[in-house]
Every structure is written in structure tokens, then in C-alpha cells.
Amino acid sequence: RPDGIGTVTVEEKERFEEIKERLRLLLENQITHFRYCFPFGRPEGALKATLSLLERVLMKDIVTPVPQEEVKTVIRKCLEQAALVNYTRLSEYAKVEGN
């Protein structure tokens, strides 16, 4: 409704939260694997848009912005996971090259 007030059933709210959680996991996965999801920064601005969308998904409601420290914590976790993924792939590649 135009006034922003509406009725949402419990089922709709639960479904929304499920979809929101799936989207959050997808975005975190894309950030973790950014070298492969956004090779050479392509498409232009996609990583920035993904980070922006993640910030909006982390919001509790439409008017309350998520604390920046919470966003930083999530991104830091993704980057730590990305470092582990890259290290694992490089070490596997080195083993193959060494044989």
C-alpha cells in the first residue's frame, strides 16, 4: 500500500526470511569466490553492486541501516574464506606441477 502499512501473514514472513537467508548465502559465496565470479573486475561494477546488495540483505528492516561493523565482519569472514580457497587451489596446483 502507498502508506507503507500492510498485513503480512506469518507464512509470508517465514518464506521471506528463508529467501533472504538464501540470498545472503549466495552473496557471501560470490564474495568468497570473487576471483571466479568477477574475473578481472568484470562485469564493471558487479562486485560493488554485490557488496551493496549484501548490506541491504543484512538490514533488519527497511529503515534501520545495518551497523558498519557488522558488514565489515561479514566481508572479513568472506575474504578469510577466499584466502583459504585460493591457498588450497594453489597448493593443489603446486602438487600437480611437482609430480
PDB file of N, CA and C in Angstrom:
ATOM      1  N   ARG A   1       0.827  -1.182   0.000  1.00  0.00           N
ATOM      2  CA  ARG A   1       0.000   0.000   0.000  1.00  0.00           C
ATOM      3  C   ARG A   1       0.870   1.245   0.000  1.00  0.00           C
ATOM      4  N   PRO A   2       0.358   2.316  -0.522  1.00  0.00           N
ATOM      5  CA  PRO A   2       1.147   3.554  -0.610  1.00  0.00           C
ATOM      6  C   PRO A   2       1.587   4.116   0.741  1.00  0.00           C
ATOM      7  N   ASP A   3       0.792   3.895   1.791  1.00  0.00           N
ATOM      8  CA  ASP A   3       1.159   4.440   3.101  1.00  0.00           C
ATOM      9  C   ASP A   3       2.209   3.592   3.822  1.00  0.00           C
ATOM     10  N   GLY A   4       2.612   2.468   3.221  1.00  0.00           N
ATOM     11  CA  GLY A   4       3.651   1.620   3.792  1.00  0.00           C
ATOM     12  C   GLY A   4       3.165   0.680   4.867  1.00  0.00           C
ATOM     13  N   ILE A   5       1.879   0.693   5.142  1.00  0.00           N
ATOM     14  CA  ILE A   5       1.325  -0.189   6.165  1.00  0.00           C
ATOM     15  C   ILE A   5       0.561  -1.301   5.466  1.00  0.00           C
ATOM     16  N   GLY A   6       0.865  -2.514   5.810  1.00  0.00           N
ATOM     17  CA  GLY A   6       0.198  -3.646   5.186  1.00  0.00           C
ATOM     18  C   GLY A   6       0.207  -4.834   6.119  1.00  0.00           C
ATOM     19  N   THR A   7      -0.513  -5.846   5.738  1.00  0.00           N
ATOM     20  CA  THR A   7      -0.599  -7.048   6.544  1.00  0.00           C
ATOM     21  C   THR A   7       0.198  -8.153   5.865  1.00  0.00           C
ATOM     22  N   VAL A   8       1.017  -8.812   6.651  1.00  0.00           N
ATOM     23  CA  VAL A   8       1.817  -9.926   6.155  1.00  0.00           C
ATOM     24  C   VAL A   8       1.513 -11.120   7.048  1.00  0.00           C
ATOM     25  N   THR A   9       1.214 -12.246   6.424  1.00  0.00           N
ATOM     26  CA  THR A   9       0.934 -13.443   7.216  1.00  0.00           C
ATOM     27  C   THR A   9       2.238 -14.016   7.768  1.00  0.00           C
ATOM     28  N   VAL A  10       2.108 -14.845   8.774  1.00  0.00           N
ATOM     29  CA  VAL A  10       3.276 -15.496   9.367  1.00  0.00           C
ATOM     30  C   VAL A  10       3.977 -16.345   8.314  1.00  0.00           C
ATOM     31  N   GLU A  11       3.194 -17.032   7.497  1.00  0.00           N
ATOM     32  CA  GLU A  11       3.765 -17.869   6.437  1.00  0.00           C
ATOM     33  C   GLU A  11       4.568 -17.026   5.446  1.00  0.00           C
ATOM     34  N   GLU A  12       4.026 -15.874   5.053  1.00  0.00           N
ATOM     35  CA  GLU A  12       4.738 -14.982   4.132  1.00  0.00           C
ATOM     36  C   GLU A  12       6.030 -14.471   4.760  1.00  0.00           C
ATOM     37  N   LYS A  13       5.977 -14.120   6.022  1.00  0.00           N
ATOM     38  CA  LYS A  13       7.156 -13.625   6.736  1.00  0.00           C
ATOM     39  C   LYS A  13       8.231 -14.708   6.801  1.00  0.00           C
ATOM     40  N   GLU A  14       7.829 -15.949   7.112  1.00  0.00           N
ATOM     41  CA  GLU A  14       8.783 -17.054   7.173  1.00  0.00           C
ATOM     42  C   GLU A  14       9.401 -17.320   5.808  1.00  0.00           C
ATOM     43  N   ARG A  15       8.571 -17.289   4.777  1.00  0.00           N
ATOM     44  CA  ARG A  15       9.066 -17.511   3.410  1.00  0.00           C
ATOM     45  C   ARG A  15      10.052 -16.416   3.009  1.00  0.00           C
ATOM     46  N   PHE A  16       9.709 -15.170   3.358  1.00  0.00           N
ATOM     47  CA  PHE A  16      10.594 -14.041   3.077  1.00  0.00           C
ATOM     48  C   PHE A  16      11.947 -14.231   3.764  1.00  0.00           C
ATOM     49  N   GLU A  17      11.932 -14.637   5.026  1.00  0.00           N
ATOM     50  CA  GLU A  17      13.176 -14.842   5.773  1.00  0.00           C
ATOM     51  C   GLU A  17      14.006 -15.972   5.164  1.00  0.00           C
ATOM     52  N   GLU A  18      13.340 -17.032   4.680  1.00  0.00           N
ATOM     53  CA  GLU A  18      14.059 -18.132   4.017  1.00  0.00           C
ATOM     54  C   GLU A  18      14.751 -17.636   2.754  1.00  0.00           C
ATOM     55  N   ILE A  19      14.027 -16.878   1.950  1.00  0.00           N
ATOM     56  CA  ILE A  19      14.588 -16.353   0.701  1.00  0.00           C
ATOM     57  C   ILE A  19      15.723 -15.383   0.994  1.00  0.00           C
ATOM     58  N   LYS A  20      15.531 -14.545   1.993  1.00  0.00           N
ATOM     59  CA  LYS A  20      16.554 -13.575   2.387  1.00  0.00           C
ATOM     60  C   LYS A  20      17.828 -14.293   2.833  1.00  0.00           C
ATOM     61  N   GLU A  21      17.684 -15.377   3.585  1.00  0.00           N
ATOM     62  CA  GLU A  21      18.840 -16.151   4.040  1.00  0.00           C
ATOM     63  C   GLU A  21      19.545 -16.821   2.867  1.00  0.00           C
ATOM     64  N   ARG A  22      18.784 -17.373   1.929  1.00  0.00           N
ATOM     65  CA  ARG A  22      19.387 -17.987   0.733  1.00  0.00           C
ATOM     66  C   ARG A  22      20.151 -16.953  -0.074  1.00  0.00           C
ATOM     67  N   LEU A  23      19.584 -15.756  -0.205  1.00  0.00           N
ATOM     68  CA  LEU A  23      20.253 -14.677  -0.934  1.00  0.00           C
ATOM     69  C   LEU A  23      21.537 -14.267  -0.216  1.00  0.00           C
ATOM     70  N   ARG A  24      21.488 -14.171   1.119  1.00  0.00           N
ATOM     71  CA  ARG A  24      22.683 -13.812   1.884  1.00  0.00           C
ATOM     72  C   ARG A  24      23.795 -14.839   1.658  1.00  0.00           C
ATOM     73  N   LEU A  25      23.441 -16.116   1.697  1.00  0.00           N
ATOM     74  CA  LEU A  25      24.433 -17.172   1.476  1.00  0.00           C
ATOM     75  C   LEU A  25      25.004 -17.114   0.064  1.00  0.00           C
ATOM     76  N   LEU A  26      24.151 -16.855  -0.926  1.00  0.00           N
ATOM     77  CA  LEU A  26      24.618 -16.731  -2.308  1.00  0.00           C
ATOM     78  C   LEU A  26      25.586 -15.564  -2.448  1.00  0.00           C
ATOM     79  N   LEU A  27      25.235 -14.426  -1.872  1.00  0.00           N
ATOM     80  CA  LEU A  27      26.097 -13.247  -1.961  1.00  0.00           C
ATOM     81  C   LEU A  27      27.427 -13.486  -1.254  1.00  0.00           C
ATOM     82  N   GLU A  28      27.386 -14.108  -0.087  1.00  0.00           N
ATOM     83  CA  GLU A  28      28.629 -14.413   0.623  1.00  0.00           C
ATOM     84  C   GLU A  28      29.495 -15.365  -0.198  1.00  0.00           C
ATOM     85  N   ASN A  29      28.876 -16.325  -0.858  1.00  0.00           N
ATOM     86  CA  ASN A  29      29.621 -17.250  -1.712  1.00  0.00           C
ATOM     87  C   ASN A  29      30.253 -16.510  -2.890  1.00  0.00           C
ATOM     88  N   GLN A  30      29.514 -15.585  -3.498  1.00  0.00           N
ATOM     89  CA  GLN A  30      30.065 -14.816  -4.616  1.00  0.00           C
ATOM     90  C   GLN A  30      31.234 -13.949  -4.163  1.00  0.00           C
ATOM     91  N   ILE A  31      31.130 -13.369  -2.973  1.00  0.00           N
ATOM     92  CA  ILE A  31      32.228 -12.548  -2.463  1.00  0.00           C
ATOM     93  C   ILE A  31      33.431 -13.432  -2.143  1.00  0.00           C
ATOM     94  N   THR A  32      33.187 -14.597  -1.561  1.00  0.00           N
ATOM     95  CA  THR A  32      34.275 -15.523  -1.247  1.00  0.00           C
ATOM     96  C   THR A  32      34.995 -15.968  -2.518  1.00  0.00           C
ATOM     97  N   HIS A  33      34.246 -16.210  -3.572  1.00  0.00           N
ATOM     98  CA  HIS A  33      34.821 -16.676  -4.839  1.00  0.00           C
ATOM     99  C   HIS A  33      34.865 -15.550  -5.870  1.00  0.00           C
ATOM    100  N   PHE A  34      35.142 -14.325  -5.403  1.00  0.00           N
ATOM    101  CA  PHE A  34      35.085 -13.164  -6.289  1.00  0.00           C
ATOM    102  C   PHE A  34      36.038 -13.259  -7.463  1.00  0.00           C
ATOM    103  N   ARG A  35      37.168 -13.938  -7.301  1.00  0.00           N
ATOM    104  CA  ARG A  35      38.114 -14.063  -8.421  1.00  0.00           C
ATOM    105  C   ARG A  35      37.498 -14.824  -9.591  1.00  0.00           C
ATOM    106  N   TYR A  36      36.569 -15.710  -9.283  1.00  0.00           N
ATOM    107  CA  TYR A  36      35.958 -16.541 -10.315  1.00  0.00           C
ATOM    108  C   TYR A  36      34.594 -15.999 -10.731  1.00  0.00           C
ATOM    109  N   CYS A  37      33.880 -15.330  -9.800  1.00  0.00           N
ATOM    110  CA  CYS A  37      32.573 -14.741 -10.134  1.00  0.00           C
ATOM    111  C   CYS A  37      32.731 -13.432 -10.898  1.00  0.00           C
ATOM    112  N   PHE A  38      33.798 -12.685 -10.576  1.00  0.00           N
ATOM    113  CA  PHE A  38      34.030 -11.379 -11.198  1.00  0.00           C
ATOM    114  C   PHE A  38      35.464 -11.308 -11.722  1.00  0.00           C
ATOM    115  N   PRO A  39      35.815 -12.151 -12.706  1.00  0.00           N
ATOM    116  CA  PRO A  39      37.203 -12.158 -13.179  1.00  0.00           C
ATOM    117  C   PRO A  39      37.593 -10.815 -13.788  1.00  0.00           C
ATOM    118  N   PHE A  40      38.748 -10.310 -13.385  1.00  0.00           N
ATOM    119  CA  PHE A  40      39.295  -9.047 -13.891  1.00  0.00           C
ATOM    120  C   PHE A  40      38.328  -7.884 -13.691  1.00  0.00           C
ATOM    121  N   GLY A  41      37.522  -7.955 -12.624  1.00  0.00           N
ATOM    122  CA  GLY A  41      36.593  -6.866 -12.332  1.00  0.00           C
ATOM    123  C   GLY A  41      35.439  -6.765 -13.307  1.00  0.00           C
ATOM    124  N   ARG A  42      35.145  -7.850 -14.010  1.00  0.00           N
ATOM    125  CA  ARG A  42      34.060  -7.829 -14.988  1.00  0.00           C
ATOM    126  C   ARG A  42      32.880  -8.614 -14.458  1.00  0.00           C
ATOM    127  N   PRO A  43      31.668  -8.298 -14.753  1.00  0.00           N
ATOM    128  CA  PRO A  43      31.271  -7.057 -15.413  1.00  0.00           C
ATOM    129  C   PRO A  43      31.536  -5.850 -14.515  1.00  0.00           C
ATOM    130  N   GLU A  44      31.733  -4.727 -15.144  1.00  0.00           N
ATOM    131  CA  GLU A  44      32.068  -3.486 -14.444  1.00  0.00           C
ATOM    132  C   GLU A  44      31.060  -3.183 -13.337  1.00  0.00           C
ATOM    133  N   GLY A  45      31.545  -3.001 -12.131  1.00  0.00           N
ATOM    134  CA  GLY A  45      30.688  -2.621 -11.013  1.00  0.00           C
ATOM    135  C   GLY A  45      29.928  -3.760 -10.357  1.00  0.00           C
ATOM    136  N   ALA A  46      30.102  -4.983 -10.826  1.00  0.00           N
ATOM    137  CA  ALA A  46      29.327  -6.112 -10.289  1.00  0.00           C
ATOM    138  C   ALA A  46      29.694  -6.423  -8.842  1.00  0.00           C
ATOM    139  N   LEU A  47      30.978  -6.379  -8.517  1.00  0.00           N
ATOM    140  CA  LEU A  47      31.388  -6.662  -7.139  1.00  0.00           C
ATOM    141  C   LEU A  47      30.844  -5.592  -6.197  1.00  0.00           C
ATOM    142  N   LYS A  48      30.930  -4.345  -6.620  1.00  0.00           N
ATOM    143  CA  LYS A  48      30.407  -3.243  -5.801  1.00  0.00           C
ATOM    144  C   LYS A  48      28.902  -3.402  -5.589  1.00  0.00           C
ATOM    145  N   ALA A  49      28.187  -3.765  -6.638  1.00  0.00           N
ATOM    146  CA  ALA A  49      26.735  -3.969  -6.532  1.00  0.00           C
ATOM    147  C   ALA A  49      26.420  -5.146  -5.609  1.00  0.00           C
ATOM    148  N   THR A  50      27.233  -6.191  -5.666  1.00  0.00           N
ATOM    149  CA  THR A  50      27.037  -7.352  -4.799  1.00  0.00           C
ATOM    150  C   THR A  50      27.229  -6.968  -3.334  1.00  0.00           C
ATOM    151  N   LEU A  51      28.268  -6.185  -3.057  1.00  0.00           N
ATOM    152  CA  LEU A  51      28.503  -5.728  -1.686  1.00  0.00           C
ATOM    153  C   LEU A  51      27.363  -4.844  -1.197  1.00  0.00           C
ATOM    154  N   SER A  52      26.864  -3.991  -2.073  1.00  0.00           N
ATOM    155  CA  SER A  52      25.746  -3.114  -1.720  1.00  0.00           C
ATOM    156  C   SER A  52      24.491  -3.929  -1.419  1.00  0.00           C
ATOM    157  N   LEU A  53      24.223  -4.931  -2.252  1.00  0.00           N
ATOM    158  CA  LEU A  53      23.062  -5.789  -2.032  1.00  0.00           C
ATOM    159  C   LEU A  53      23.209  -6.576  -0.732  1.00  0.00           C
ATOM    160  N   LEU A  54      24.414  -7.068  -0.451  1.00  0.00           N
ATOM    161  CA  LEU A  54      24.648  -7.784   0.805  1.00  0.00           C
ATOM    162  C   LEU A  54      24.333  -6.884   1.994  1.00  0.00           C
ATOM    163  N   GLU A  55      24.755  -5.646   1.918  1.00  0.00           N
ATOM    164  CA  GLU A  55      24.479  -4.705   3.006  1.00  0.00           C
ATOM    165  C   GLU A  55      22.976  -4.541   3.215  1.00  0.00           C
ATOM    166  N   ARG A  56      22.222  -4.471   2.128  1.00  0.00           N
ATOM    167  CA  ARG A  56      20.765  -4.337   2.237  1.00  0.00           C
ATOM    168  C   ARG A  56      20.125  -5.614   2.774  1.00  0.00           C
ATOM    169  N   VAL A  57      20.657  -6.768   2.394  1.00  0.00           N
ATOM    170  CA  VAL A  57      20.109  -8.043   2.875  1.00  0.00           C
ATOM    171  C   VAL A  57      20.347  -8.192   4.376  1.00  0.00           C
ATOM    172  N   LEU A  58      21.453  -7.648   4.864  1.00  0.00           N
ATOM    173  CA  LEU A  58      21.764  -7.745   6.288  1.00  0.00           C
ATOM    174  C   LEU A  58      20.890  -6.836   7.146  1.00  0.00           C
ATOM    175  N   MET A  59      20.204  -5.884   6.530  1.00  0.00           N
ATOM    176  CA  MET A  59      19.346  -4.963   7.282  1.00  0.00           C
ATOM    177  C   MET A  59      18.216  -5.730   7.962  1.00  0.00           C
ATOM    178  N   LYS A  60      17.889  -5.324   9.166  1.00  0.00           N
ATOM    179  CA  LYS A  60      16.804  -5.970   9.912  1.00  0.00           C
ATOM    180  C   LYS A  60      15.443  -5.515   9.401  1.00  0.00           C
ATOM    181  N   ASP A  61      15.347  -4.240   9.038  1.00  0.00           N
ATOM    182  CA  ASP A  61      14.117  -3.710   8.454  1.00  0.00           C
ATOM    183  C   ASP A  61      14.492  -2.623   7.454  1.00  0.00           C
ATOM    184  N   ILE A  62      13.500  -2.071   6.807  1.00  0.00           N
ATOM    185  CA  ILE A  62      13.725  -1.167   5.680  1.00  0.00           C
ATOM    186  C   ILE A  62      14.317   0.183   6.091  1.00  0.00           C
ATOM    187  N   VAL A  63      14.126   0.601   7.334  1.00  0.00           N
ATOM    188  CA  VAL A  63      14.572   1.934   7.737  1.00  0.00           C
ATOM    189  C   VAL A  63      15.833   1.933   8.598  1.00  0.00           C
ATOM    190  N   THR A  64      16.162   0.812   9.212  1.00  0.00           N
ATOM    191  CA  THR A  64      17.316   0.760  10.109  1.00  0.00           C
ATOM    192  C   THR A  64      18.538   0.243   9.359  1.00  0.00           C
ATOM    193  N   PRO A  65      19.531   1.097   9.138  1.00  0.00           N
ATOM    194  CA  PRO A  65      20.737   0.614   8.457  1.00  0.00           C
ATOM    195  C   PRO A  65      21.504  -0.360   9.347  1.00  0.00           C
ATOM    196  N   VAL A  66      22.160  -1.293   8.706  1.00  0.00           N
ATOM    197  CA  VAL A  66      22.949  -2.284   9.444  1.00  0.00           C
ATOM    198  C   VAL A  66      24.226  -1.591   9.933  1.00  0.00           C
ATOM    199  N   PRO A  67      24.670  -1.885  11.154  1.00  0.00           N
ATOM    200  CA  PRO A  67      25.917  -1.278  11.647  1.00  0.00           C
ATOM    201  C   PRO A  67      27.092  -1.649  10.736  1.00  0.00           C
ATOM    202  N   GLN A  68      27.938  -0.675  10.434  1.00  0.00           N
ATOM    203  CA  GLN A  68      29.068  -0.909   9.532  1.00  0.00           C
ATOM    204  C   GLN A  68      29.993  -2.006  10.055  1.00  0.00           C
ATOM    205  N   GLU A  69      30.115  -2.111  11.370  1.00  0.00           N
ATOM    206  CA  GLU A  69      30.977  -3.145  11.942  1.00  0.00           C
ATOM    207  C   GLU A  69      30.463  -4.544  11.599  1.00  0.00           C
ATOM    208  N   GLU A  70      29.140  -4.703  11.553  1.00  0.00           N
ATOM    209  CA  GLU A  70      28.554  -5.995  11.188  1.00  0.00           C
ATOM    210  C   GLU A  70      28.854  -6.325   9.726  1.00  0.00           C
ATOM    211  N   VAL A  71      28.740  -5.330   8.855  1.00  0.00           N
ATOM    212  CA  VAL A  71      29.053  -5.532   7.438  1.00  0.00           C
ATOM    213  C   VAL A  71      30.525  -5.895   7.287  1.00  0.00           C
ATOM    214  N   LYS A  72      31.393  -5.167   7.975  1.00  0.00           N
ATOM    215  CA  LYS A  72      32.833  -5.445   7.903  1.00  0.00           C
ATOM    216  C   LYS A  72      33.146  -6.861   8.379  1.00  0.00           C
ATOM    217  N   THR A  73      32.470  -7.294   9.432  1.00  0.00           N
ATOM    218  CA  THR A  73      32.697  -8.642   9.964  1.00  0.00           C
ATOM    219  C   THR A  73      32.333  -9.706   8.932  1.00  0.00           C
ATOM    220  N   VAL A  74      31.193  -9.527   8.265  1.00  0.00           N
ATOM    221  CA  VAL A  74      30.759 -10.491   7.248  1.00  0.00           C
ATOM    222  C   VAL A  74      31.744 -10.500   6.080  1.00  0.00           C
ATOM    223  N   ILE A  75      32.145  -9.322   5.614  1.00  0.00           N
ATOM    224  CA  ILE A  75      33.080  -9.236   4.486  1.00  0.00           C
ATOM    225  C   ILE A  75      34.437  -9.807   4.879  1.00  0.00           C
ATOM    226  N   ARG A  76      34.889  -9.521   6.090  1.00  0.00           N
ATOM    227  CA  ARG A  76      36.165 -10.068   6.566  1.00  0.00           C
ATOM    228  C   ARG A  76      36.120 -11.596   6.561  1.00  0.00           C
ATOM    229  N   LYS A  77      34.998 -12.165   7.027  1.00  0.00           N
ATOM    230  CA  LYS A  77      34.838 -13.625   7.034  1.00  0.00           C
ATOM    231  C   LYS A  77      34.920 -14.172   5.606  1.00  0.00           C
ATOM    232  N   CYS A  78      34.266 -13.485   4.668  1.00  0.00           N
ATOM    233  CA  CYS A  78      34.292 -13.918   3.268  1.00  0.00           C
ATOM    234  C   CYS A  78      35.710 -13.861   2.702  1.00  0.00           C
ATOM    235  N   LEU A  79      36.440 -12.791   3.010  1.00  0.00           N
ATOM    236  CA  LEU A  79      37.800 -12.646   2.491  1.00  0.00           C
ATOM    237  C   LEU A  79      38.750 -13.668   3.110  1.00  0.00           C
ATOM    238  N   GLU A  80      38.553 -13.982   4.385  1.00  0.00           N
ATOM    239  CA  GLU A  80      39.365 -15.034   5.004  1.00  0.00           C
ATOM    240  C   GLU A  80      39.094 -16.374   4.332  1.00  0.00           C
ATOM    241  N   GLN A  81      37.828 -16.640   4.052  1.00  0.00           N
ATOM    242  CA  GLN A  81      37.464 -17.877   3.355  1.00  0.00           C
ATOM    243  C   GLN A  81      38.039 -17.874   1.940  1.00  0.00           C
ATOM    244  N   ALA A  82      38.025 -16.703   1.283  1.00  0.00           N
ATOM    245  CA  ALA A  82      38.588 -16.586  -0.068  1.00  0.00           C
ATOM    246  C   ALA A  82      40.081 -16.891  -0.054  1.00  0.00           C
ATOM    247  N   ALA A  83      40.785 -16.402   0.964  1.00  0.00           N
ATOM    248  CA  ALA A  83      42.216 -16.679   1.075  1.00  0.00           C
ATOM    249  C   ALA A  83      42.461 -18.176   1.228  1.00  0.00           C
ATOM    250  N   LEU A  84      41.627 -18.833   2.013  1.00  0.00           N
ATOM    251  CA  LEU A  84      41.755 -20.280   2.195  1.00  0.00           C
ATOM    252  C   LEU A  84      41.483 -21.021   0.883  1.00  0.00           C
ATOM    253  N   VAL A  85      40.448 -20.591   0.165  1.00  0.00           N
ATOM    254  CA  VAL A  85      40.125 -21.210  -1.128  1.00  0.00           C
ATOM    255  C   VAL A  85      41.297 -21.048  -2.094  1.00  0.00           C
ATOM    256  N   ASN A  86      41.843 -19.831  -2.177  1.00  0.00           N
ATOM    257  CA  ASN A  86      42.961 -19.576  -3.090  1.00  0.00           C
ATOM    258  C   ASN A  86      44.193 -20.380  -2.695  1.00  0.00           C
ATOM    259  N   TYR A  87      44.489 -20.434  -1.393  1.00  0.00           N
ATOM    260  CA  TYR A  87      45.640 -21.199  -0.918  1.00  0.00           C
ATOM    261  C   TYR A  87      45.474 -22.676  -1.255  1.00  0.00           C
ATOM    262  N   THR A  88      44.281 -23.203  -1.024  1.00  0.00           N
ATOM    263  CA  THR A  88      44.015 -24.614  -1.303  1.00  0.00           C
ATOM    264  C   THR A  88      44.200 -24.914  -2.788  1.00  0.00           C
ATOM    265  N   ARG A  89      43.660 -24.050  -3.636  1.00  0.00           N
ATOM    266  CA  ARG A  89      43.798 -24.272  -5.084  1.00  0.00           C
ATOM    267  C   ARG A  89      45.250 -24.177  -5.528  1.00  0.00           C
ATOM    268  N   LEU A  90      45.977 -23.202  -4.982  1.00  0.00           N
ATOM    269  CA  LEU A  90      47.387 -23.064  -5.345  1.00  0.00           C
ATOM    270  C   LEU A  90      48.208 -24.253  -4.872  1.00  0.00           C
ATOM    271  N   SER A  91      47.946 -24.724  -3.658  1.00  0.00           N
ATOM    272  CA  SER A  91      48.714 -25.861  -3.155  1.00  0.00           C
ATOM    273  C   SER A  91      48.397 -27.125  -3.951  1.00  0.00           C
ATOM    274  N   GLU A  92      47.148 -27.297  -4.355  1.00  0.00           N
ATOM    275  CA  GLU A  92      46.799 -28.444  -5.198  1.00  0.00           C
ATOM    276  C   GLU A  92      47.475 -28.329  -6.560  1.00  0.00           C
ATOM    277  N   TYR A  93      47.515 -27.118  -7.105  1.00  0.00           N
ATOM    278  CA  TYR A  93      48.173 -26.885  -8.393  1.00  0.00           C
ATOM    279  C   TYR A  93      49.670 -27.171  -8.280  1.00  0.00           C
ATOM    280  N   ALA A  94      50.275 -26.748  -7.169  1.00  0.00           N
ATOM    281  CA  ALA A  94      51.704 -26.982  -6.959  1.00  0.00           C
ATOM    282  C   ALA A  94      51.998 -28.474  -6.853  1.00  0.00           C
ATOM    283  N   LYS A  95      51.111 -29.229  -6.224  1.00  0.00           N
ATOM    284  CA  LYS A  95      51.299 -30.676  -6.116  1.00  0.00           C
ATOM    285  C   LYS A  95      51.244 -31.327  -7.488  1.00  0.00           C
ATOM    286  N   VAL A  96      50.305 -30.883  -8.323  1.00  0.00           N
ATOM    287  CA  VAL A  96      50.176 -31.432  -9.674  1.00  0.00           C
ATOM    288  C   VAL A  96      51.414 -31.092 -10.490  1.00  0.00           C
ATOM    289  N   GLU A  97      51.888 -29.851 -10.397  1.00  0.00           N
ATOM    290  CA  GLU A  97      53.073 -29.427 -11.136  1.00  0.00           C
ATOM    291  C   GLU A  97      54.328 -30.138 -10.636  1.00  0.00           C
ATOM    292  N   GLY A  98      54.343 -30.453  -9.334  1.00  0.00           N
ATOM    293  CA  GLY A  98      55.510 -31.109  -8.745  1.00  0.00           C
ATOM    294  C   GLY A  98      55.647 -32.564  -9.144  1.00  0.00           C
ATOM    295  N   ASN A  99      54.554 -33.185  -9.550  1.00  0.00           N
ATOM    296  CA  ASN A  99      54.592 -34.615  -9.912  1.00  0.00           C
ATOM    297  C   ASN A  99      55.099 -34.841 -11.283  1.00  0.00           C
TER     298      ASN A  99
END
